[in-house]
Amino acid sequence: MTAAIPAVPFGGVPRVNLIPRSEIERRQRDATLRGWVWGIGGAVLAAVLVIAGALALNWFADQRLAAEQARTNDLLVELATLSDVSTALSTERDLTSFRAESMGSDFAWSPVIDSLESTMPGEVSLIGFNLIAGGVPQGEDPALEPGLIGTLTLSSPNVIDIAQTVRSMRSIDGVIDADGSLVATSSSTVGQYTYELSITFDQSIYSGRYLETEGGE
C-alpha cells in the first residue's frame, strides 16, 4: 500500500515583516504615551467635574444661607415693630395684677347696709359705722375668711332687746359673728339709747369683679 503524499498549496502570497524593530518599539511607545495622555486627561476632567460640583453645591449653600439670613433679618424687624405691643401687654398684665391686689376686696356697700337695717326694729336707726374691708381672697371658700370687720352704732328712742337684734344680724347671709351692748343713754333727750355692735362679714360679700383668673382677666 502506497503512503499518501501531502498536497502542497500553490498560489499563496509570501509575507515578510520588513518593519524594523526600532519602528515597532516606537509605535508601542507612542501607543503607551497616548494611553497615559488619555488617562491623565480623564483624571483631570474628573477632578474638574468634582471641583465644579463642589463649587456648585457651595454656591447653592451660600444662596440658601443668604436667604435664611434675610428671613432672620425680616423676623427681627417684625419683632422690633411688635416690641411696643409686647410692652403694652406687659403693662396691662402688671396693671391687672395691681388692680386685683388693690380691688380684690371690692363689694357694694348698699346691700350690706340694707341687710343690716332690715333686721333692726322699726324705731332703731343706724347712725354710724366703722367697717374695714378684709384682705384679698386667698382660699377657695370665701365663707371661711373674714371680709368686712368693724362696729355699728345704733340709736333708739326706746330700750331694745339687743340680744334679739344681734341674733337677727347673725342670721344675715355672709355674717360670721355679731355682738353688741348698750353703751350710752342721753340725759338731755329722754328716750335716746345708743348701742354699739361688733360685726364680721365673710368674703362672700365681695363682688369678685377685679380678681384675676387663670387665663387673665
N, C-alpha and C. Protein backbone atom coordinates (compact mmCIF):
# COMPACT_ATOMS: atom_id res chain seq x y z
N MET A 1 0.85 -1.19 0.00
CA MET A 1 0.00 0.00 0.00
C MET A 1 0.87 1.22 0.00
N THR A 2 0.49 2.14 -0.90
CA THR A 2 1.35 3.31 -1.09
C THR A 2 0.95 4.41 -0.11
N ALA A 3 1.93 5.10 0.56
CA ALA A 3 1.66 6.19 1.53
C ALA A 3 1.19 7.43 0.79
N ALA A 4 0.23 8.19 1.46
CA ALA A 4 -0.33 9.41 0.85
C ALA A 4 0.65 10.53 0.95
N ILE A 5 0.78 11.26 -0.14
CA ILE A 5 1.73 12.39 -0.19
C ILE A 5 0.92 13.66 0.03
N PRO A 6 1.27 14.44 1.05
CA PRO A 6 0.51 15.68 1.32
C PRO A 6 0.61 16.63 0.15
N ALA A 7 -0.56 17.31 -0.05
CA ALA A 7 -0.59 18.25 -1.17
C ALA A 7 0.05 19.55 -0.75
N VAL A 8 0.78 20.10 -1.61
CA VAL A 8 1.48 21.35 -1.35
C VAL A 8 0.67 22.47 -1.96
N PRO A 9 0.22 23.44 -1.14
CA PRO A 9 -0.61 24.53 -1.70
C PRO A 9 0.21 25.41 -2.62
N PHE A 10 -0.41 25.90 -3.59
CA PHE A 10 0.25 26.78 -4.54
C PHE A 10 -0.54 28.09 -4.63
N GLY A 11 0.04 29.11 -5.06
CA GLY A 11 -0.61 30.39 -5.29
C GLY A 11 -0.63 31.30 -4.08
N GLY A 12 -0.13 30.95 -2.86
CA GLY A 12 -0.09 31.80 -1.69
C GLY A 12 0.91 32.93 -1.84
N VAL A 13 0.58 34.12 -1.22
CA VAL A 13 1.46 35.28 -1.31
C VAL A 13 2.43 35.24 -0.14
N PRO A 14 3.62 35.17 -0.40
CA PRO A 14 4.59 35.15 0.72
C PRO A 14 4.66 36.52 1.41
N ARG A 15 4.68 36.52 2.77
CA ARG A 15 4.72 37.76 3.55
C ARG A 15 5.97 37.78 4.40
N VAL A 16 6.56 38.94 4.39
CA VAL A 16 7.78 39.13 5.17
C VAL A 16 7.65 40.46 5.90
N ASN A 17 7.80 40.47 7.22
CA ASN A 17 7.74 41.70 8.03
C ASN A 17 9.04 42.45 7.85
N LEU A 18 8.95 43.53 7.09
CA LEU A 18 10.16 44.29 6.82
C LEU A 18 10.30 45.51 7.72
N ILE A 19 9.29 45.71 8.71
CA ILE A 19 9.37 46.88 9.59
C ILE A 19 10.49 46.67 10.60
N PRO A 20 11.33 47.64 10.71
CA PRO A 20 12.44 47.48 11.67
C PRO A 20 11.91 47.41 13.10
N ARG A 21 12.68 46.72 13.88
CA ARG A 21 12.29 46.55 15.29
C ARG A 21 12.19 47.91 15.99
N SER A 22 13.03 48.84 15.65
CA SER A 22 13.02 50.15 16.30
C SER A 22 11.70 50.88 16.03
N GLU A 23 11.18 50.67 14.77
CA GLU A 23 9.90 51.30 14.45
C GLU A 23 8.76 50.68 15.25
N ILE A 24 8.82 49.38 15.42
CA ILE A 24 7.79 48.70 16.22
C ILE A 24 7.81 49.20 17.66
N GLU A 25 9.02 49.32 18.20
CA GLU A 25 9.14 49.80 19.58
C GLU A 25 8.64 51.25 19.69
N ARG A 26 8.93 52.05 18.63
CA ARG A 26 8.48 53.44 18.67
C ARG A 26 6.96 53.49 18.66
N ARG A 27 6.34 52.67 17.84
CA ARG A 27 4.89 52.64 17.80
C ARG A 27 4.29 52.20 19.15
N GLN A 28 4.93 51.21 19.77
CA GLN A 28 4.45 50.77 21.08
C GLN A 28 4.57 51.90 22.11
N ARG A 29 5.73 52.64 22.00
CA ARG A 29 5.88 53.77 22.95
C ARG A 29 4.84 54.84 22.68
N ASP A 30 4.53 55.12 21.42
CA ASP A 30 3.51 56.11 21.10
C ASP A 30 2.14 55.68 21.62
N ALA A 31 1.82 54.40 21.46
CA ALA A 31 0.53 53.90 21.95
C ALA A 31 0.44 54.02 23.48
N THR A 32 1.57 53.65 24.13
CA THR A 32 1.59 53.76 25.60
C THR A 32 1.44 55.21 26.03
N LEU A 33 2.15 56.13 25.32
CA LEU A 33 2.07 57.56 25.67
C LEU A 33 0.65 58.09 25.48
N ARG A 34 0.02 57.64 24.33
CA ARG A 34 -1.35 58.09 24.13
C ARG A 34 -2.28 57.58 25.24
N GLY A 35 -2.03 56.36 25.69
CA GLY A 35 -2.83 55.83 26.81
C GLY A 35 -2.66 56.66 28.07
N TRP A 36 -1.40 57.02 28.36
CA TRP A 36 -1.15 57.86 29.55
C TRP A 36 -1.80 59.23 29.41
N VAL A 37 -1.70 59.79 28.19
CA VAL A 37 -2.30 61.11 27.97
C VAL A 37 -3.81 61.06 28.20
N TRP A 38 -4.46 60.02 27.64
CA TRP A 38 -5.90 59.89 27.82
C TRP A 38 -6.26 59.65 29.29
N GLY A 39 -5.44 58.83 29.94
CA GLY A 39 -5.69 58.57 31.36
C GLY A 39 -5.56 59.82 32.20
N ILE A 40 -4.46 60.56 31.96
CA ILE A 40 -4.27 61.80 32.73
C ILE A 40 -5.37 62.81 32.40
N GLY A 41 -5.70 62.90 31.09
CA GLY A 41 -6.77 63.81 30.69
C GLY A 41 -8.09 63.44 31.36
N GLY A 42 -8.41 62.15 31.43
CA GLY A 42 -9.64 61.72 32.10
C GLY A 42 -9.63 62.06 33.59
N ALA A 43 -8.44 61.83 34.22
CA ALA A 43 -8.33 62.14 35.64
C ALA A 43 -8.51 63.64 35.89
N VAL A 44 -7.86 64.43 35.00
CA VAL A 44 -8.01 65.88 35.15
C VAL A 44 -9.46 66.31 34.95
N LEU A 45 -10.11 65.71 33.94
CA LEU A 45 -11.51 66.04 33.68
C LEU A 45 -12.40 65.66 34.87
N ALA A 46 -12.13 64.46 35.44
CA ALA A 46 -12.90 64.03 36.60
C ALA A 46 -12.69 64.98 37.77
N ALA A 47 -11.40 65.40 37.96
CA ALA A 47 -11.12 66.33 39.05
C ALA A 47 -11.84 67.66 38.83
N VAL A 48 -11.84 68.12 37.57
CA VAL A 48 -12.53 69.38 37.27
C VAL A 48 -14.02 69.26 37.54
N LEU A 49 -14.61 68.11 37.15
CA LEU A 49 -16.04 67.91 37.40
C LEU A 49 -16.34 67.87 38.90
N VAL A 50 -15.48 67.20 39.67
CA VAL A 50 -15.68 67.14 41.13
C VAL A 50 -15.60 68.55 41.73
N ILE A 51 -14.56 69.31 41.30
CA ILE A 51 -14.41 70.67 41.82
C ILE A 51 -15.58 71.54 41.43
N ALA A 52 -16.05 71.39 40.18
CA ALA A 52 -17.19 72.17 39.72
C ALA A 52 -18.44 71.82 40.52
N GLY A 53 -18.63 70.51 40.79
CA GLY A 53 -19.78 70.09 41.60
C GLY A 53 -19.72 70.66 43.01
N ALA A 54 -18.51 70.62 43.60
CA ALA A 54 -18.35 71.16 44.95
C ALA A 54 -18.64 72.66 44.97
N LEU A 55 -18.12 73.37 43.95
CA LEU A 55 -18.37 74.81 43.87
C LEU A 55 -19.86 75.10 43.70
N ALA A 56 -20.53 74.26 42.88
CA ALA A 56 -21.96 74.46 42.68
C ALA A 56 -22.73 74.24 43.99
N LEU A 57 -22.37 73.16 44.71
CA LEU A 57 -23.03 72.90 45.99
C LEU A 57 -22.76 74.03 46.98
N ASN A 58 -21.54 74.51 46.99
CA ASN A 58 -21.20 75.62 47.88
C ASN A 58 -21.98 76.88 47.51
N TRP A 59 -22.14 77.09 46.21
CA TRP A 59 -22.89 78.27 45.77
C TRP A 59 -24.35 78.17 46.20
N PHE A 60 -24.94 76.98 46.00
CA PHE A 60 -26.33 76.79 46.44
C PHE A 60 -26.45 76.95 47.96
N ALA A 61 -25.46 76.45 48.71
CA ALA A 61 -25.48 76.59 50.17
C ALA A 61 -25.38 78.06 50.56
N ASP A 62 -24.52 78.80 49.86
CA ASP A 62 -24.40 80.24 50.15
C ASP A 62 -25.71 80.96 49.86
N GLN A 63 -26.35 80.59 48.75
CA GLN A 63 -27.63 81.22 48.41
C GLN A 63 -28.69 80.91 49.46
N ARG A 64 -28.71 79.66 49.92
CA ARG A 64 -29.69 79.29 50.95
C ARG A 64 -29.40 80.01 52.26
N LEU A 65 -28.11 80.10 52.62
CA LEU A 65 -27.74 80.81 53.84
C LEU A 65 -28.13 82.28 53.75
N ALA A 66 -27.88 82.88 52.58
CA ALA A 66 -28.25 84.28 52.40
C ALA A 66 -29.77 84.47 52.53
N ALA A 67 -30.54 83.51 51.99
CA ALA A 67 -31.99 83.60 52.09
C ALA A 67 -32.45 83.48 53.54
N GLU A 68 -31.83 82.55 54.29
CA GLU A 68 -32.19 82.39 55.70
C GLU A 68 -31.80 83.61 56.52
N GLN A 69 -30.63 84.19 56.20
CA GLN A 69 -30.23 85.40 56.91
C GLN A 69 -31.19 86.55 56.62
N ALA A 70 -31.62 86.64 55.37
CA ALA A 70 -32.59 87.69 55.02
C ALA A 70 -33.91 87.47 55.76
N ARG A 71 -34.33 86.21 55.84
CA ARG A 71 -35.57 85.90 56.57
C ARG A 71 -35.41 86.21 58.06
N THR A 72 -34.24 85.89 58.61
CA THR A 72 -33.99 86.21 60.02
C THR A 72 -34.04 87.71 60.25
N ASN A 73 -33.43 88.46 59.34
CA ASN A 73 -33.46 89.92 59.48
C ASN A 73 -34.89 90.45 59.40
N ASP A 74 -35.69 89.86 58.50
CA ASP A 74 -37.08 90.29 58.40
C ASP A 74 -37.84 90.00 59.70
N LEU A 75 -37.56 88.82 60.30
CA LEU A 75 -38.22 88.48 61.56
C LEU A 75 -37.80 89.42 62.68
N LEU A 76 -36.51 89.77 62.69
CA LEU A 76 -36.03 90.70 63.72
C LEU A 76 -36.69 92.06 63.57
N VAL A 77 -36.83 92.50 62.32
CA VAL A 77 -37.51 93.78 62.09
C VAL A 77 -38.96 93.70 62.54
N GLU A 78 -39.60 92.56 62.24
CA GLU A 78 -41.00 92.39 62.65
C GLU A 78 -41.13 92.35 64.16
N LEU A 79 -40.18 91.66 64.82
CA LEU A 79 -40.20 91.63 66.29
C LEU A 79 -39.99 93.02 66.86
N ALA A 80 -39.13 93.78 66.22
CA ALA A 80 -38.89 95.15 66.70
C ALA A 80 -40.16 95.98 66.61
N THR A 81 -40.92 95.76 65.53
CA THR A 81 -42.17 96.52 65.40
C THR A 81 -43.21 96.07 66.41
N LEU A 82 -43.07 94.82 66.91
CA LEU A 82 -44.02 94.30 67.89
C LEU A 82 -43.60 94.58 69.32
N SER A 83 -42.44 95.21 69.51
CA SER A 83 -41.96 95.45 70.87
C SER A 83 -42.91 96.35 71.64
N ASP A 84 -43.51 97.32 70.94
CA ASP A 84 -44.48 98.20 71.60
C ASP A 84 -45.69 97.42 72.08
N VAL A 85 -46.12 96.46 71.25
CA VAL A 85 -47.26 95.63 71.64
C VAL A 85 -46.91 94.78 72.85
N SER A 86 -45.69 94.20 72.83
CA SER A 86 -45.25 93.39 73.97
C SER A 86 -45.18 94.22 75.23
N THR A 87 -44.65 95.44 75.11
CA THR A 87 -44.57 96.32 76.28
C THR A 87 -45.97 96.67 76.79
N ALA A 88 -46.88 96.93 75.86
CA ALA A 88 -48.25 97.26 76.26
C ALA A 88 -48.92 96.09 76.96
N LEU A 89 -48.71 94.87 76.45
CA LEU A 89 -49.29 93.69 77.08
C LEU A 89 -48.71 93.45 78.46
N SER A 90 -47.40 93.68 78.59
CA SER A 90 -46.77 93.52 79.90
C SER A 90 -47.31 94.54 80.89
N THR A 91 -47.47 95.78 80.42
CA THR A 91 -48.03 96.82 81.29
C THR A 91 -49.46 96.48 81.68
N GLU A 92 -50.22 95.96 80.73
CA GLU A 92 -51.60 95.58 81.03
C GLU A 92 -51.65 94.49 82.08
N ARG A 93 -50.75 93.49 81.98
CA ARG A 93 -50.71 92.43 82.98
C ARG A 93 -50.36 92.98 84.35
N ASP A 94 -49.38 93.89 84.38
CA ASP A 94 -48.99 94.48 85.67
C ASP A 94 -50.15 95.27 86.28
N LEU A 95 -50.83 96.04 85.45
CA LEU A 95 -51.95 96.83 85.95
C LEU A 95 -53.10 95.94 86.42
N THR A 96 -53.34 94.86 85.67
CA THR A 96 -54.40 93.94 86.07
C THR A 96 -54.07 93.28 87.40
N SER A 97 -52.80 92.89 87.57
CA SER A 97 -52.38 92.30 88.83
C SER A 97 -52.49 93.31 89.97
N PHE A 98 -52.08 94.55 89.70
CA PHE A 98 -52.17 95.59 90.74
C PHE A 98 -53.63 95.85 91.11
N ARG A 99 -54.50 95.90 90.09
CA ARG A 99 -55.92 96.13 90.37
C ARG A 99 -56.51 94.98 91.17
N ALA A 100 -56.09 93.73 90.84
CA ALA A 100 -56.60 92.59 91.59
C ALA A 100 -56.19 92.65 93.05
N GLU A 101 -54.95 93.13 93.31
CA GLU A 101 -54.48 93.23 94.69
C GLU A 101 -55.16 94.37 95.44
N SER A 102 -55.38 95.48 94.74
CA SER A 102 -55.94 96.65 95.42
C SER A 102 -57.46 96.62 95.47
N MET A 103 -58.11 95.96 94.49
CA MET A 103 -59.56 95.96 94.42
C MET A 103 -60.15 94.57 94.61
N GLY A 104 -59.34 93.65 95.06
CA GLY A 104 -59.84 92.28 95.24
C GLY A 104 -60.92 92.18 96.30
N SER A 105 -60.93 93.12 97.24
CA SER A 105 -61.95 93.11 98.30
C SER A 105 -63.10 94.06 98.01
N ASP A 106 -63.30 94.38 96.73
CA ASP A 106 -64.38 95.28 96.35
C ASP A 106 -65.75 94.65 96.66
N PHE A 107 -66.66 95.44 97.17
CA PHE A 107 -68.03 94.98 97.40
C PHE A 107 -68.94 96.20 97.37
N ALA A 108 -70.24 95.93 97.24
CA ALA A 108 -71.24 97.00 97.21
C ALA A 108 -71.71 97.29 98.63
N TRP A 109 -71.62 98.55 99.03
CA TRP A 109 -72.00 98.93 100.39
C TRP A 109 -73.51 98.88 100.60
N SER A 110 -74.27 99.31 99.63
CA SER A 110 -75.72 99.43 99.82
C SER A 110 -76.38 98.12 100.24
N PRO A 111 -76.11 96.99 99.58
CA PRO A 111 -76.74 95.74 100.02
C PRO A 111 -76.36 95.36 101.45
N VAL A 112 -75.11 95.64 101.82
CA VAL A 112 -74.68 95.31 103.17
C VAL A 112 -75.45 96.14 104.20
N ILE A 113 -75.51 97.45 103.97
CA ILE A 113 -76.23 98.33 104.91
C ILE A 113 -77.72 97.99 104.92
N ASP A 114 -78.28 97.72 103.75
CA ASP A 114 -79.71 97.38 103.69
C ASP A 114 -80.01 96.10 104.45
N SER A 115 -79.12 95.11 104.33
CA SER A 115 -79.35 93.86 105.05
C SER A 115 -79.28 94.06 106.56
N LEU A 116 -78.40 94.95 107.02
CA LEU A 116 -78.30 95.23 108.46
C LEU A 116 -79.55 95.97 108.95
N GLU A 117 -79.95 96.96 108.21
CA GLU A 117 -81.11 97.74 108.64
C GLU A 117 -82.40 96.92 108.60
N SER A 118 -82.42 95.90 107.73
CA SER A 118 -83.64 95.08 107.63
C SER A 118 -83.88 94.26 108.89
N THR A 119 -82.86 94.03 109.71
CA THR A 119 -83.01 93.22 110.92
C THR A 119 -83.29 94.08 112.16
N MET A 120 -83.24 95.41 112.02
CA MET A 120 -83.42 96.30 113.17
C MET A 120 -84.90 96.55 113.42
N PRO A 121 -85.25 96.69 114.67
CA PRO A 121 -86.63 97.09 114.97
C PRO A 121 -86.97 98.42 114.29
N GLY A 122 -88.25 98.66 114.10
CA GLY A 122 -88.68 99.82 113.34
C GLY A 122 -88.22 101.15 113.90
N GLU A 123 -88.10 101.26 115.23
CA GLU A 123 -87.72 102.54 115.82
C GLU A 123 -86.21 102.73 115.92
N VAL A 124 -85.44 101.72 115.52
CA VAL A 124 -83.98 101.78 115.61
C VAL A 124 -83.41 102.29 114.29
N SER A 125 -82.42 103.15 114.41
CA SER A 125 -81.76 103.66 113.20
C SER A 125 -80.25 103.48 113.31
N LEU A 126 -79.65 103.28 112.16
CA LEU A 126 -78.19 103.16 112.09
C LEU A 126 -77.61 104.56 111.93
N ILE A 127 -76.90 105.02 112.96
CA ILE A 127 -76.40 106.39 112.91
C ILE A 127 -74.89 106.46 112.64
N GLY A 128 -74.23 105.34 112.58
CA GLY A 128 -72.80 105.36 112.29
C GLY A 128 -72.23 103.96 112.19
N PHE A 129 -71.11 103.85 111.54
CA PHE A 129 -70.42 102.56 111.45
C PHE A 129 -68.95 102.81 111.18
N ASN A 130 -68.17 101.87 111.58
CA ASN A 130 -66.72 101.89 111.34
C ASN A 130 -66.33 100.49 110.87
N LEU A 131 -66.35 100.30 109.57
CA LEU A 131 -66.12 98.98 108.98
C LEU A 131 -64.89 99.02 108.08
N ILE A 132 -64.10 97.97 108.15
CA ILE A 132 -62.88 97.86 107.36
C ILE A 132 -62.93 96.58 106.55
N ALA A 133 -62.67 96.69 105.24
CA ALA A 133 -62.65 95.51 104.38
C ALA A 133 -61.45 94.64 104.69
N GLY A 134 -61.66 93.34 104.55
CA GLY A 134 -60.57 92.40 104.80
C GLY A 134 -59.61 92.31 103.63
N GLY A 135 -58.81 91.27 103.64
CA GLY A 135 -57.79 91.12 102.61
C GLY A 135 -58.33 90.52 101.33
N VAL A 136 -57.42 90.40 100.35
CA VAL A 136 -57.77 89.77 99.07
C VAL A 136 -58.01 88.28 99.30
N PRO A 137 -59.01 87.69 98.67
CA PRO A 137 -59.28 86.26 98.85
C PRO A 137 -58.05 85.40 98.59
N GLN A 138 -57.81 84.47 99.49
CA GLN A 138 -56.67 83.58 99.36
C GLN A 138 -57.11 82.12 99.20
N GLY A 139 -58.19 81.76 99.87
CA GLY A 139 -58.66 80.39 99.82
C GLY A 139 -59.74 80.18 98.79
N GLU A 140 -60.20 78.94 98.68
CA GLU A 140 -61.23 78.60 97.70
C GLU A 140 -62.63 78.85 98.23
N ASP A 141 -62.81 78.87 99.56
CA ASP A 141 -64.14 79.06 100.14
C ASP A 141 -64.20 80.44 100.79
N PRO A 142 -64.90 81.41 100.16
CA PRO A 142 -64.96 82.77 100.72
C PRO A 142 -65.70 82.83 102.05
N ALA A 143 -66.51 81.81 102.35
CA ALA A 143 -67.27 81.84 103.59
C ALA A 143 -66.40 81.53 104.81
N LEU A 144 -65.17 81.14 104.58
CA LEU A 144 -64.28 80.79 105.69
C LEU A 144 -63.30 81.90 106.03
N GLU A 145 -63.34 83.00 105.28
CA GLU A 145 -62.39 84.08 105.52
C GLU A 145 -63.14 85.38 105.82
N PRO A 146 -62.68 86.14 106.80
CA PRO A 146 -63.35 87.41 107.11
C PRO A 146 -63.17 88.42 105.98
N GLY A 147 -64.29 89.09 105.66
CA GLY A 147 -64.23 90.05 104.57
C GLY A 147 -64.53 91.48 104.98
N LEU A 148 -65.28 91.67 106.05
CA LEU A 148 -65.63 93.02 106.50
C LEU A 148 -65.77 92.98 108.02
N ILE A 149 -64.99 93.80 108.69
CA ILE A 149 -64.95 93.77 110.16
C ILE A 149 -65.11 95.19 110.68
N GLY A 150 -65.88 95.35 111.74
CA GLY A 150 -65.99 96.67 112.34
C GLY A 150 -67.14 96.77 113.32
N THR A 151 -67.58 97.99 113.56
CA THR A 151 -68.63 98.25 114.54
C THR A 151 -69.76 99.07 113.92
N LEU A 152 -70.94 98.89 114.48
CA LEU A 152 -72.13 99.64 114.08
C LEU A 152 -72.62 100.44 115.29
N THR A 153 -73.13 101.62 115.06
CA THR A 153 -73.71 102.44 116.13
C THR A 153 -75.18 102.62 115.84
N LEU A 154 -76.02 102.15 116.77
CA LEU A 154 -77.46 102.22 116.62
C LEU A 154 -78.05 103.20 117.63
N SER A 155 -79.14 103.79 117.24
CA SER A 155 -79.84 104.72 118.14
C SER A 155 -81.31 104.34 118.17
N SER A 156 -81.89 104.43 119.37
CA SER A 156 -83.29 104.07 119.52
C SER A 156 -83.94 104.96 120.58
N PRO A 157 -85.18 105.34 120.37
CA PRO A 157 -85.89 106.13 121.39
C PRO A 157 -86.34 105.27 122.55
N ASN A 158 -86.28 103.98 122.40
CA ASN A 158 -86.69 103.07 123.46
C ASN A 158 -85.61 102.02 123.68
N VAL A 159 -85.67 101.39 124.81
CA VAL A 159 -84.76 100.28 125.08
C VAL A 159 -85.15 99.12 124.17
N ILE A 160 -84.17 98.53 123.50
CA ILE A 160 -84.45 97.43 122.60
C ILE A 160 -83.85 96.14 123.15
N ASP A 161 -84.35 95.05 122.64
CA ASP A 161 -83.79 93.75 123.01
C ASP A 161 -82.53 93.55 122.16
N ILE A 162 -81.40 93.97 122.71
CA ILE A 162 -80.17 93.90 121.93
C ILE A 162 -79.78 92.48 121.58
N ALA A 163 -80.10 91.54 122.48
CA ALA A 163 -79.77 90.14 122.20
C ALA A 163 -80.53 89.64 120.98
N GLN A 164 -81.82 89.99 120.89
CA GLN A 164 -82.61 89.57 119.74
C GLN A 164 -82.11 90.25 118.47
N THR A 165 -81.74 91.53 118.59
CA THR A 165 -81.20 92.25 117.42
C THR A 165 -79.91 91.60 116.93
N VAL A 166 -79.07 91.21 117.87
CA VAL A 166 -77.81 90.55 117.48
C VAL A 166 -78.09 89.22 116.81
N ARG A 167 -79.04 88.44 117.34
CA ARG A 167 -79.38 87.15 116.73
C ARG A 167 -79.91 87.36 115.30
N SER A 168 -80.68 88.39 115.12
CA SER A 168 -81.22 88.67 113.79
C SER A 168 -80.09 89.00 112.81
N MET A 169 -79.11 89.76 113.29
CA MET A 169 -77.98 90.10 112.41
C MET A 169 -77.14 88.88 112.09
N ARG A 170 -77.01 87.96 113.04
CA ARG A 170 -76.23 86.76 112.77
C ARG A 170 -76.88 85.88 111.71
N SER A 171 -78.19 86.06 111.51
CA SER A 171 -78.89 85.25 110.51
C SER A 171 -78.72 85.80 109.09
N ILE A 172 -78.12 86.98 108.96
CA ILE A 172 -77.91 87.57 107.63
C ILE A 172 -76.87 86.75 106.86
N ASP A 173 -77.12 86.52 105.59
CA ASP A 173 -76.17 85.79 104.76
C ASP A 173 -74.83 86.53 104.73
N GLY A 174 -73.79 85.81 105.02
CA GLY A 174 -72.45 86.39 104.97
C GLY A 174 -71.94 86.87 106.32
N VAL A 175 -72.79 86.92 107.36
CA VAL A 175 -72.34 87.37 108.67
C VAL A 175 -71.74 86.18 109.42
N ILE A 176 -70.49 86.33 109.85
CA ILE A 176 -69.81 85.29 110.62
C ILE A 176 -70.14 85.43 112.11
N ASP A 177 -70.11 86.67 112.58
CA ASP A 177 -70.34 86.88 114.01
C ASP A 177 -70.88 88.29 114.23
N ALA A 178 -71.63 88.47 115.32
CA ALA A 178 -72.15 89.78 115.72
C ALA A 178 -72.33 89.78 117.23
N ASP A 179 -72.12 90.93 117.83
CA ASP A 179 -72.29 91.07 119.27
C ASP A 179 -72.55 92.55 119.56
N GLY A 180 -73.19 92.87 120.67
CA GLY A 180 -73.48 94.26 120.95
C GLY A 180 -73.88 94.50 122.38
N SER A 181 -73.94 95.79 122.76
CA SER A 181 -74.32 96.17 124.12
C SER A 181 -74.76 97.62 124.13
N LEU A 182 -75.47 98.02 125.20
CA LEU A 182 -75.85 99.42 125.42
C LEU A 182 -74.61 100.16 125.89
N VAL A 183 -74.27 101.24 125.21
CA VAL A 183 -73.05 101.96 125.57
C VAL A 183 -73.35 103.32 126.20
N ALA A 184 -74.53 103.86 125.92
CA ALA A 184 -74.82 105.18 126.49
C ALA A 184 -76.30 105.48 126.44
N THR A 185 -76.74 106.32 127.36
CA THR A 185 -78.09 106.88 127.32
C THR A 185 -77.96 108.38 127.37
N SER A 186 -78.94 109.08 126.81
CA SER A 186 -78.90 110.53 126.76
C SER A 186 -79.68 111.11 127.93
N SER A 187 -79.03 111.96 128.73
CA SER A 187 -79.71 112.61 129.85
C SER A 187 -80.47 113.85 129.42
N SER A 188 -80.05 114.43 128.28
CA SER A 188 -80.71 115.65 127.80
C SER A 188 -81.94 115.33 126.96
N THR A 189 -81.88 114.22 126.26
CA THR A 189 -83.00 113.83 125.42
C THR A 189 -83.59 112.54 125.98
N VAL A 190 -84.80 112.63 126.44
CA VAL A 190 -85.44 111.47 127.05
C VAL A 190 -85.66 110.39 125.98
N GLY A 191 -85.31 109.17 126.33
CA GLY A 191 -85.58 108.04 125.44
C GLY A 191 -84.61 107.88 124.32
N GLN A 192 -83.40 108.40 124.43
CA GLN A 192 -82.39 108.18 123.40
C GLN A 192 -81.36 107.18 123.95
N TYR A 193 -81.32 106.04 123.29
CA TYR A 193 -80.40 104.98 123.70
C TYR A 193 -79.45 104.67 122.55
N THR A 194 -78.20 104.55 122.88
CA THR A 194 -77.17 104.27 121.86
C THR A 194 -76.57 102.89 122.12
N TYR A 195 -76.48 102.11 121.05
CA TYR A 195 -75.94 100.75 121.14
C TYR A 195 -74.77 100.63 120.14
N GLU A 196 -73.82 99.87 120.56
CA GLU A 196 -72.68 99.59 119.67
C GLU A 196 -72.57 98.09 119.46
N LEU A 197 -72.52 97.72 118.19
CA LEU A 197 -72.45 96.30 117.83
C LEU A 197 -71.16 96.04 117.05
N SER A 198 -70.53 94.95 117.36
CA SER A 198 -69.40 94.48 116.54
C SER A 198 -69.93 93.43 115.57
N ILE A 199 -69.43 93.47 114.37
CA ILE A 199 -69.93 92.56 113.34
C ILE A 199 -68.81 92.16 112.40
N THR A 200 -68.90 90.93 111.91
CA THR A 200 -67.91 90.42 110.97
C THR A 200 -68.62 89.71 109.83
N PHE A 201 -68.36 90.16 108.61
CA PHE A 201 -68.87 89.51 107.40
C PHE A 201 -67.77 88.62 106.81
N ASP A 202 -68.18 87.58 106.10
CA ASP A 202 -67.19 86.78 105.36
C ASP A 202 -67.00 87.38 103.97
N GLN A 203 -66.16 86.73 103.16
CA GLN A 203 -65.80 87.28 101.85
C GLN A 203 -66.82 86.97 100.75
N SER A 204 -67.91 86.35 101.12
CA SER A 204 -68.95 86.11 100.11
C SER A 204 -69.62 87.41 99.66
N ILE A 205 -69.43 88.49 100.43
CA ILE A 205 -70.00 89.78 100.02
C ILE A 205 -69.16 90.45 98.94
N TYR A 206 -67.94 89.94 98.68
CA TYR A 206 -67.09 90.54 97.65
C TYR A 206 -67.72 90.37 96.28
N SER A 207 -67.54 91.37 95.44
CA SER A 207 -68.10 91.29 94.09
C SER A 207 -67.29 90.36 93.19
N GLY A 208 -65.97 90.29 93.40
CA GLY A 208 -65.11 89.43 92.57
C GLY A 208 -64.88 89.96 91.17
N ARG A 209 -65.27 91.21 90.91
CA ARG A 209 -65.15 91.75 89.55
C ARG A 209 -63.71 92.00 89.12
N TYR A 210 -62.82 92.21 90.08
CA TYR A 210 -61.46 92.61 89.72
C TYR A 210 -60.44 91.52 90.00
N LEU A 211 -60.90 90.33 90.29
CA LEU A 211 -59.95 89.25 90.56
C LEU A 211 -59.44 88.67 89.25
N GLU A 212 -58.17 88.25 89.29
CA GLU A 212 -57.57 87.62 88.11
C GLU A 212 -58.04 86.19 88.01
N THR A 213 -58.17 85.72 86.78
CA THR A 213 -58.47 84.33 86.53
C THR A 213 -57.24 83.65 85.95
N GLU A 214 -57.31 82.33 85.75
CA GLU A 214 -56.14 81.59 85.25
C GLU A 214 -55.76 82.03 83.84
N GLY A 215 -56.71 82.43 83.04
CA GLY A 215 -56.43 82.85 81.67
C GLY A 215 -56.29 84.34 81.54
N GLY A 216 -56.14 85.07 82.66
CA GLY A 216 -56.06 86.51 82.61
C GLY A 216 -57.33 87.06 83.20
N GLU A 217 -57.64 88.34 82.84
CA GLU A 217 -58.81 88.99 83.41
C GLU A 217 -60.07 88.39 82.80
